Amino acid sequence: MIKSLAANDNQLYKILTSPTLRKVPEITIYFWIIKIFTTALGESTSDFLVHQIDPVLAVLLGALGFAVAMVFQFREKKYVPWIYWIAVTMVAVFGTMVADAIHIVLKIPYAISTVSFALLLVVIFVAWYKTENTLSIHSIFTPRREIFYWLTVIITFALGTATGDLTAYTLKLGFLSSGILFTFLFILPALAYLLFKLNSVVAFWFAYIMTRPLGASFADLFGKAKDAGGLGVGDGWVSLVLFILIAAFVSFLVFTRKDNQSQE
C-alpha cells in the first residue's frame, strides 16, 4: 500500500511539473487594455446579475461559469486567447461576487477584507516562490505553476474589489476620485521600472492588482445611478459595451497572434 501511495505521489508530481507550452499571453498593450476591460466587466456584470435575478442563483451561476472556464483553460496545452480571456472574465465576475458577499452577507468591513486578501496574496506569493523559485508570468509552462498563477489571479481580483469599495464607500472618495487614484497607482510601477529599475516581476504584479479597482471604479462611475454617485448609464448597458470591446480585442489577437509571438 505504501508503495502504491508513493507511486501515485510520484505520478502526481510528474503531472504537476511536466513542461508544456506557455499558458499565458505576451505582456503587450493589448494585455493591459483587455485586463482592465475584464475587471470593469466583472464589476458591472456581477452587480447587474445580483439585482436582476435571485442573488444566490447569480452566485451559483458565477461559480459554474468560473469552474467551466477553468476546466477549459487547464485542458489546453498552450495559450489560446479566447479561452484564456474567458477564464479571466469569469474570475472577474465570480471574484467580485465573492468579495461582495463577504461584505454584504458576513458584514465584514472593507478594511478588514482588504487586509485579509492582501495577507492571503502574500502567502500565495511566498509559497509560489519557495516552490518554483520564480514569480514571473513568463514561466507559466507547467501545471503546478499555472495553479499558482490562477490562485494569484483570483485573490488579486478579490483584493482589488475590496480595495476599490474601501476607497469609494468607506473612505468616501466616490467612483471618479477612486478611478483617478487607481489610474495613478497603475501607472506608478511602470514609471518606477523605467526610472528606478524596479524589479520587473514586482512592477507587473503591482500593476496587475491595480487593474481591478481601476476598472471597477470606472464601471461603477458609468453604471450606477446618479443618486449613488454614478452617471446612470446602467450596469447592463455598461456590461454590453465592455463585452463587445473585449470580444473585438480578443478576436484581433486570435487572428494577428500579437500576444503569442514567443510560441510561433
Protein backbone atom coordinates (compact mmCIF):
# COMPACT_ATOMS: atom_id res chain seq x y z
CA MET A 1 0.00 0.00 0.00
CA ILE A 2 2.86 2.37 0.86
CA LYS A 3 4.48 1.65 -2.49
CA SER A 4 1.17 2.34 -4.21
CA LEU A 5 0.82 5.70 -2.46
CA ALA A 6 4.40 6.56 -3.30
CA ALA A 7 3.79 5.67 -6.93
CA ASN A 8 0.67 7.83 -7.00
CA ASP A 9 2.55 10.74 -5.43
CA ASN A 10 5.33 10.36 -7.97
CA GLN A 11 2.82 10.30 -10.82
CA LEU A 12 1.10 13.43 -9.48
CA TYR A 13 4.48 15.16 -9.16
CA LYS A 14 5.30 14.34 -12.80
CA ILE A 15 1.93 15.71 -13.93
CA LEU A 16 2.33 18.94 -11.99
CA THR A 17 5.91 19.55 -13.13
CA SER A 18 5.69 18.27 -16.69
CA PRO A 19 6.68 21.09 -19.05
CA THR A 20 4.29 22.30 -21.74
CA LEU A 21 3.94 25.40 -23.89
CA ARG A 22 3.47 28.67 -22.07
CA LYS A 23 -0.16 29.14 -20.99
CA VAL A 24 -0.33 32.93 -20.71
CA PRO A 25 -0.11 35.78 -23.25
CA GLU A 26 2.75 38.12 -24.03
CA ILE A 27 2.57 41.27 -21.92
CA THR A 28 1.66 43.88 -24.52
CA ILE A 29 -0.51 46.98 -24.53
CA TYR A 30 -3.38 44.69 -25.61
CA PHE A 31 -2.96 42.61 -22.46
CA TRP A 32 -3.43 45.63 -20.21
CA ILE A 33 -6.36 47.03 -22.22
CA ILE A 34 -8.28 43.75 -22.14
CA LYS A 35 -7.37 43.16 -18.50
CA ILE A 36 -8.83 46.50 -17.43
CA PHE A 37 -11.94 45.88 -19.55
CA THR A 38 -12.45 42.46 -17.92
CA THR A 39 -12.20 43.94 -14.44
CA ALA A 40 -14.80 46.54 -15.35
CA LEU A 41 -16.99 43.86 -16.92
CA GLY A 42 -16.72 41.72 -13.80
CA GLU A 43 -17.97 44.59 -11.66
CA SER A 44 -20.87 45.63 -13.87
CA THR A 45 -21.99 42.09 -14.72
CA SER A 46 -21.89 40.94 -11.10
CA ASP A 47 -23.94 43.93 -9.97
CA PHE A 48 -26.38 43.52 -12.85
CA LEU A 49 -26.99 39.82 -12.17
CA VAL A 50 -27.48 40.07 -8.41
CA HIS A 51 -30.08 42.80 -8.92
CA GLN A 52 -31.91 41.14 -11.83
CA ILE A 53 -32.19 37.59 -10.50
CA ASP A 54 -32.02 35.91 -7.11
CA PRO A 55 -28.55 36.74 -5.63
CA VAL A 56 -27.93 33.13 -4.58
CA LEU A 57 -28.73 31.92 -8.10
CA ALA A 58 -26.48 34.64 -9.52
CA VAL A 59 -23.55 33.49 -7.37
CA LEU A 60 -24.17 29.85 -8.31
CA LEU A 61 -24.19 30.76 -11.99
CA GLY A 62 -20.99 32.73 -11.48
CA ALA A 63 -19.38 29.75 -9.75
CA LEU A 64 -20.48 27.40 -12.55
CA GLY A 65 -19.13 29.72 -15.24
CA PHE A 66 -15.87 30.07 -13.35
CA ALA A 67 -15.49 26.28 -12.94
CA VAL A 68 -16.22 25.57 -16.61
CA ALA A 69 -13.77 28.27 -17.74
CA MET A 70 -11.04 26.84 -15.52
CA VAL A 71 -11.60 23.33 -16.89
CA PHE A 72 -11.18 24.56 -20.46
CA GLN A 73 -8.13 26.64 -19.55
CA PHE A 74 -6.31 23.78 -17.79
CA ARG A 75 -7.16 21.28 -20.53
CA GLU A 76 -5.33 23.30 -23.15
CA LYS A 77 -1.64 22.62 -23.68
CA LYS A 78 -0.82 26.15 -24.79
CA TYR A 79 -2.13 29.69 -24.62
CA VAL A 80 -5.39 30.10 -26.54
CA PRO A 81 -6.56 33.75 -26.47
CA TRP A 82 -10.33 33.30 -26.30
CA ILE A 83 -10.14 30.53 -23.70
CA TYR A 84 -7.67 32.45 -21.55
CA TRP A 85 -9.69 35.67 -21.60
CA ILE A 86 -12.97 33.90 -20.91
CA ALA A 87 -11.26 32.42 -17.85
CA VAL A 88 -10.08 35.87 -16.74
CA THR A 89 -13.55 37.30 -17.29
CA MET A 90 -15.21 34.57 -15.23
CA VAL A 91 -12.65 35.11 -12.46
CA ALA A 92 -13.61 38.80 -12.57
CA VAL A 93 -17.34 38.08 -12.30
CA PHE A 94 -17.14 35.37 -9.66
CA GLY A 95 -14.36 37.09 -7.70
CA THR A 96 -16.49 40.22 -7.48
CA MET A 97 -19.45 38.21 -6.24
CA VAL A 98 -17.37 36.52 -3.54
CA ALA A 99 -15.80 39.77 -2.33
CA ASP A 100 -19.20 41.48 -2.24
CA ALA A 101 -20.80 38.54 -0.43
CA ILE A 102 -18.13 38.68 2.27
CA HIS A 103 -19.12 42.29 2.99
CA ILE A 104 -22.90 42.10 2.46
CA VAL A 105 -23.67 38.65 3.89
CA LEU A 106 -20.96 38.27 6.52
CA LYS A 107 -20.90 42.00 7.39
CA ILE A 108 -17.11 42.13 7.25
CA PRO A 109 -15.85 45.72 6.77
CA TYR A 110 -13.99 46.51 3.55
CA ALA A 111 -10.87 47.46 5.52
CA ILE A 112 -10.67 44.02 7.13
CA SER A 113 -11.37 42.13 3.91
CA THR A 114 -8.77 44.25 2.08
CA VAL A 115 -6.08 43.45 4.65
CA SER A 116 -7.12 39.78 4.76
CA PHE A 117 -6.93 39.35 0.99
CA ALA A 118 -3.59 41.19 0.93
CA LEU A 119 -2.14 38.82 3.53
CA LEU A 120 -3.51 35.80 1.68
CA LEU A 121 -1.90 37.07 -1.52
CA VAL A 122 1.44 37.37 0.28
CA VAL A 123 1.10 33.77 1.49
CA ILE A 124 0.45 32.56 -2.07
CA PHE A 125 3.40 34.55 -3.43
CA VAL A 126 5.70 33.10 -0.75
CA ALA A 127 4.51 29.54 -1.40
CA TRP A 128 4.84 30.04 -5.16
CA TYR A 129 8.37 31.43 -4.90
CA LYS A 130 9.57 28.81 -2.42
CA THR A 131 8.20 26.04 -4.64
CA GLU A 132 9.18 27.34 -8.08
CA ASN A 133 11.90 29.95 -7.30
CA THR A 134 10.14 32.45 -9.57
CA LEU A 135 7.00 34.57 -9.75
CA SER A 136 7.44 35.52 -13.38
CA ILE A 137 4.43 35.34 -15.68
CA HIS A 138 6.84 34.28 -18.42
CA SER A 139 7.48 30.98 -16.62
CA ILE A 140 3.93 29.59 -16.66
CA PHE A 141 4.64 26.37 -18.55
CA THR A 142 3.87 23.61 -16.01
CA PRO A 143 0.51 22.70 -14.45
CA ARG A 144 1.78 23.47 -10.95
CA ARG A 145 2.90 26.95 -11.92
CA GLU A 146 -0.40 27.50 -13.66
CA ILE A 147 -2.23 26.57 -10.45
CA PHE A 148 -0.17 29.14 -8.53
CA TYR A 149 -0.83 31.69 -11.28
CA TRP A 150 -4.62 31.30 -11.22
CA LEU A 151 -4.75 31.27 -7.42
CA THR A 152 -2.89 34.58 -7.53
CA VAL A 153 -5.24 35.97 -10.18
CA ILE A 154 -8.32 35.01 -8.15
CA ILE A 155 -7.02 36.66 -4.97
CA THR A 156 -5.93 39.80 -6.84
CA PHE A 157 -9.49 40.21 -8.10
CA ALA A 158 -10.95 39.77 -4.62
CA LEU A 159 -8.34 42.13 -3.16
CA GLY A 160 -8.97 44.71 -5.87
CA THR A 161 -12.73 44.54 -5.36
CA ALA A 162 -12.42 45.11 -1.62
CA THR A 163 -9.85 47.89 -2.11
CA GLY A 164 -11.98 49.72 -4.66
CA ASP A 165 -15.05 49.54 -2.41
CA LEU A 166 -12.92 50.68 0.53
CA THR A 167 -11.89 53.89 -1.23
CA ALA A 168 -15.26 54.57 -2.88
CA TYR A 169 -17.53 53.84 0.08
CA THR A 170 -15.62 53.65 3.38
CA LEU A 171 -13.21 56.49 2.60
CA LYS A 172 -15.98 58.29 0.65
CA LEU A 173 -13.79 59.16 -2.33
CA GLY A 174 -16.52 58.21 -4.77
CA PHE A 175 -16.11 56.43 -8.10
CA LEU A 176 -14.36 59.14 -10.11
CA SER A 177 -11.77 60.04 -7.47
CA SER A 178 -11.13 56.34 -6.84
CA GLY A 179 -10.69 55.76 -10.57
CA ILE A 180 -8.18 58.59 -10.82
CA LEU A 181 -6.30 57.30 -7.76
CA PHE A 182 -6.02 53.78 -9.12
CA THR A 183 -5.05 55.03 -12.58
CA PHE A 184 -2.08 56.76 -10.96
CA LEU A 185 -1.22 53.65 -8.93
CA PHE A 186 -1.49 51.52 -12.08
CA ILE A 187 0.98 53.74 -13.96
CA LEU A 188 3.32 54.17 -10.98
CA PRO A 189 5.16 50.79 -11.22
CA ALA A 190 5.86 51.38 -14.93
CA LEU A 191 7.45 54.73 -14.07
CA ALA A 192 9.40 53.13 -11.22
CA TYR A 193 10.61 50.40 -13.58
CA LEU A 194 11.75 52.88 -16.23
CA LEU A 195 13.24 55.48 -13.91
CA PHE A 196 14.49 53.50 -10.93
CA LYS A 197 14.87 49.96 -12.34
CA LEU A 198 12.16 48.47 -10.14
CA ASN A 199 12.14 44.68 -10.41
CA SER A 200 10.01 43.78 -13.44
CA VAL A 201 8.12 41.00 -11.62
CA VAL A 202 7.24 43.32 -8.73
CA ALA A 203 6.18 46.03 -11.19
CA PHE A 204 3.99 43.60 -13.13
CA TRP A 205 2.10 42.20 -10.14
CA PHE A 206 1.60 45.61 -8.54
CA ALA A 207 0.12 46.96 -11.78
CA TYR A 208 -1.93 43.77 -12.19
CA ILE A 209 -3.52 44.21 -8.76
CA MET A 210 -4.33 47.85 -9.51
CA THR A 211 -6.23 46.99 -12.70
CA ARG A 212 -9.07 45.53 -10.63
CA PRO A 213 -10.09 48.60 -8.61
CA LEU A 214 -9.23 50.79 -11.62
CA GLY A 215 -11.64 49.03 -13.96
CA ALA A 216 -14.31 48.56 -11.29
CA SER A 217 -14.26 52.23 -10.28
CA PHE A 218 -14.98 53.42 -13.81
CA ALA A 219 -17.56 50.67 -14.37
CA ASP A 220 -19.40 51.89 -11.27
CA LEU A 221 -19.00 55.51 -12.36
CA PHE A 222 -20.83 54.82 -15.62
CA GLY A 223 -23.18 52.11 -14.41
CA LYS A 224 -24.50 53.31 -11.07
CA ALA A 225 -27.46 55.66 -10.66
CA LYS A 226 -26.84 59.39 -10.33
CA ASP A 227 -28.05 59.46 -6.74
CA ALA A 228 -25.44 56.80 -5.95
CA GLY A 229 -22.60 58.84 -7.43
CA GLY A 230 -22.65 57.40 -10.95
CA LEU A 231 -23.68 58.67 -14.37
CA GLY A 232 -26.77 56.47 -14.58
CA VAL A 233 -25.98 54.56 -17.78
CA GLY A 234 -26.90 51.25 -16.13
CA ASP A 235 -24.86 48.15 -15.29
CA GLY A 236 -26.46 46.16 -18.09
CA TRP A 237 -25.50 48.64 -20.81
CA VAL A 238 -22.00 49.01 -19.41
CA SER A 239 -21.60 45.21 -19.46
CA LEU A 240 -22.82 45.02 -23.05
CA VAL A 241 -20.40 47.68 -24.29
CA LEU A 242 -17.49 46.10 -22.42
CA PHE A 243 -18.34 42.65 -23.77
CA ILE A 244 -18.29 43.98 -27.34
CA LEU A 245 -14.95 45.72 -26.76
CA ILE A 246 -13.37 42.63 -25.20
CA ALA A 247 -14.68 40.40 -28.00
CA ALA A 248 -13.24 42.79 -30.59
CA PHE A 249 -9.79 42.93 -28.99
CA VAL A 250 -9.61 39.17 -28.39
CA SER A 251 -10.71 38.48 -31.98
CA PHE A 252 -7.94 40.79 -33.14
CA LEU A 253 -5.42 38.79 -31.09
CA VAL A 254 -6.73 35.47 -32.36
CA PHE A 255 -6.08 36.50 -35.96
CA THR A 256 -2.89 38.52 -35.52
CA ARG A 257 -1.24 36.47 -32.74
CA LYS A 258 0.43 39.64 -31.49
CA ASP A 259 0.31 38.33 -27.91
CA ASN A 260 1.60 34.87 -28.81
CA GLN A 261 4.80 35.58 -30.70
CA SER A 262 7.13 33.56 -28.47
CA GLN A 263 5.18 30.38 -29.24
CA GLU A 264 5.23 30.66 -33.03
